[in-house]
């Protein structure tokens, strides 16, 4: 499935699963549709699942952001390795934004070391792209 079709599914799901999370996802997704930004099926499916689960009260919003961060970092690395520099840069940027959202929301509720997690991500990017 093409990125535009995947992103259109996300837009519809944001409307169907109206929630704080959906209202955060929708405007960014709309911007990315406008510039024809790539997205993997794996990442799109994770976002669709998160929209549903958050709406049903089965998933905490910070965990939704962490899922997105993890998926976008993988997508970004793959895109950069395959010479898709613009999409790779957007995805790495999205991974960072989502990680920051995760960290700011989870800090009051979870015991985790954000600096250690950031360092792991820095190393993942550096090592993956140095191969």
Protein backbone atom coordinates (compact mmCIF):
# COMPACT_ATOMS: atom_id res chain seq x y z
CA UNK A 1 0.00 0.00 0.00
CA UNK A 2 1.25 3.49 -0.83
CA UNK A 3 2.11 6.06 1.82
CA UNK A 4 -0.79 8.34 0.87
CA UNK A 5 -3.29 5.50 1.27
CA UNK A 6 -1.79 4.56 4.64
CA UNK A 7 -1.91 8.15 5.82
CA UNK A 8 -5.52 8.50 4.63
CA UNK A 9 -6.39 5.45 6.75
CA UNK A 10 -4.73 7.16 9.72
CA UNK A 11 -6.74 10.35 9.06
CA UNK A 12 -10.00 8.37 9.00
CA UNK A 13 -9.05 6.54 12.18
CA UNK A 14 -8.33 9.86 13.90
CA UNK A 15 -11.92 10.88 13.13
CA UNK A 16 -13.38 7.51 14.14
CA UNK A 17 -11.38 7.38 17.37
CA UNK A 18 -11.70 11.00 18.43
CA UNK A 19 -9.43 11.48 21.43
CA UNK A 20 -6.54 13.57 22.68
CA UNK A 21 -4.14 11.24 20.90
CA UNK A 22 -6.12 11.42 17.66
CA UNK A 23 -6.17 15.21 17.86
CA UNK A 24 -2.37 15.19 18.21
CA UNK A 25 -1.84 12.75 15.32
CA UNK A 26 -4.28 14.23 12.79
CA UNK A 27 -2.71 17.66 12.06
CA UNK A 28 0.79 16.20 11.76
CA UNK A 29 -0.49 13.40 9.54
CA UNK A 30 -2.30 15.97 7.37
CA UNK A 31 0.93 17.95 6.97
CA UNK A 32 2.77 14.80 5.98
CA UNK A 33 0.07 13.92 3.42
CA UNK A 34 0.54 17.38 1.88
CA UNK A 35 4.25 16.79 1.32
CA UNK A 36 3.83 13.11 0.31
CA UNK A 37 5.97 11.86 3.20
CA UNK A 38 6.63 8.13 3.28
CA UNK A 39 5.44 5.80 6.04
CA UNK A 40 5.88 2.05 6.38
CA UNK A 41 2.92 -0.30 6.73
CA UNK A 42 4.36 -1.42 10.07
CA UNK A 43 4.37 2.13 11.42
CA UNK A 44 0.95 2.97 9.98
CA UNK A 45 -0.52 -0.17 11.51
CA UNK A 46 1.01 0.68 14.89
CA UNK A 47 -0.51 4.16 14.77
CA UNK A 48 -3.91 2.73 13.78
CA UNK A 49 -3.75 0.26 16.67
CA UNK A 50 -2.69 3.00 19.09
CA UNK A 51 -5.56 5.26 18.00
CA UNK A 52 -8.03 2.47 18.70
CA UNK A 53 -6.49 1.33 21.99
CA UNK A 54 -6.09 4.85 23.39
CA UNK A 55 -9.68 5.68 22.45
CA UNK A 56 -10.85 2.54 24.27
CA UNK A 57 -8.80 3.43 27.34
CA UNK A 58 -6.51 0.42 26.90
CA UNK A 59 -3.26 2.27 26.23
CA UNK A 60 -1.51 5.20 27.90
CA UNK A 61 -0.71 8.11 25.57
CA UNK A 62 2.99 8.14 26.47
CA UNK A 63 3.29 4.53 25.32
CA UNK A 64 1.66 5.49 22.01
CA UNK A 65 4.36 8.14 21.53
CA UNK A 66 7.12 5.67 22.39
CA UNK A 67 5.76 3.17 19.85
CA UNK A 68 5.78 5.88 17.20
CA UNK A 69 9.29 6.96 18.12
CA UNK A 70 10.58 3.41 17.88
CA UNK A 71 8.91 2.79 14.53
CA UNK A 72 9.93 6.11 13.00
CA UNK A 73 13.56 5.60 13.99
CA UNK A 74 13.57 2.23 12.19
CA UNK A 75 11.84 3.73 9.15
CA UNK A 76 14.24 6.67 9.12
CA UNK A 77 17.31 4.49 9.26
CA UNK A 78 15.96 2.29 6.44
CA UNK A 79 15.09 5.34 4.32
CA UNK A 80 18.53 6.91 4.81
CA UNK A 81 20.26 3.62 4.00
CA UNK A 82 18.24 3.46 0.78
CA UNK A 83 19.12 7.02 -0.25
CA UNK A 84 15.70 8.51 0.58
CA UNK A 85 17.24 11.42 2.45
CA UNK A 86 14.17 13.66 2.79
CA UNK A 87 11.92 10.89 4.08
CA UNK A 88 14.66 9.60 6.34
CA UNK A 89 15.22 13.04 7.83
CA UNK A 90 11.48 13.51 8.41
CA UNK A 91 11.20 10.12 10.09
CA UNK A 92 14.20 10.67 12.35
CA UNK A 93 12.76 14.08 13.26
CA UNK A 94 9.41 12.40 13.99
CA UNK A 95 11.15 9.82 16.16
CA UNK A 96 12.71 12.61 18.20
CA UNK A 97 9.46 14.52 18.57
CA UNK A 98 7.62 11.42 19.68
CA UNK A 99 10.37 10.48 22.12
CA UNK A 100 10.20 13.96 23.66
CA UNK A 101 6.42 13.61 23.95
CA UNK A 102 6.85 10.20 25.57
CA UNK A 103 9.43 11.46 28.05
CA UNK A 104 7.49 14.57 29.05
CA UNK A 105 4.25 12.64 29.59
CA UNK A 106 5.75 9.55 31.24
CA UNK A 107 8.09 11.37 33.65
CA UNK A 108 5.38 11.79 36.26
CA UNK A 109 4.16 8.20 36.07
CA UNK A 110 7.06 5.92 35.18
CA UNK A 111 10.52 5.36 36.53
CA UNK A 112 12.82 5.40 33.51
CA UNK A 113 16.11 6.93 32.49
CA UNK A 114 15.39 9.20 29.52
CA UNK A 115 19.08 10.02 29.01
CA UNK A 116 19.95 6.34 28.76
CA UNK A 117 17.13 5.80 26.27
CA UNK A 118 18.29 8.78 24.19
CA UNK A 119 21.85 7.49 24.24
CA UNK A 120 20.64 4.09 22.98
CA UNK A 121 18.85 5.81 20.11
CA UNK A 122 21.89 7.94 19.25
CA UNK A 123 24.02 4.80 19.11
CA UNK A 124 21.43 2.95 17.05
CA UNK A 125 21.37 5.72 14.45
CA UNK A 126 25.15 6.13 14.35
CA UNK A 127 25.91 2.40 14.23
CA UNK A 128 23.18 1.61 11.71
CA UNK A 129 24.32 4.31 9.31
CA UNK A 130 28.04 3.64 9.74
CA UNK A 131 27.80 0.11 8.39
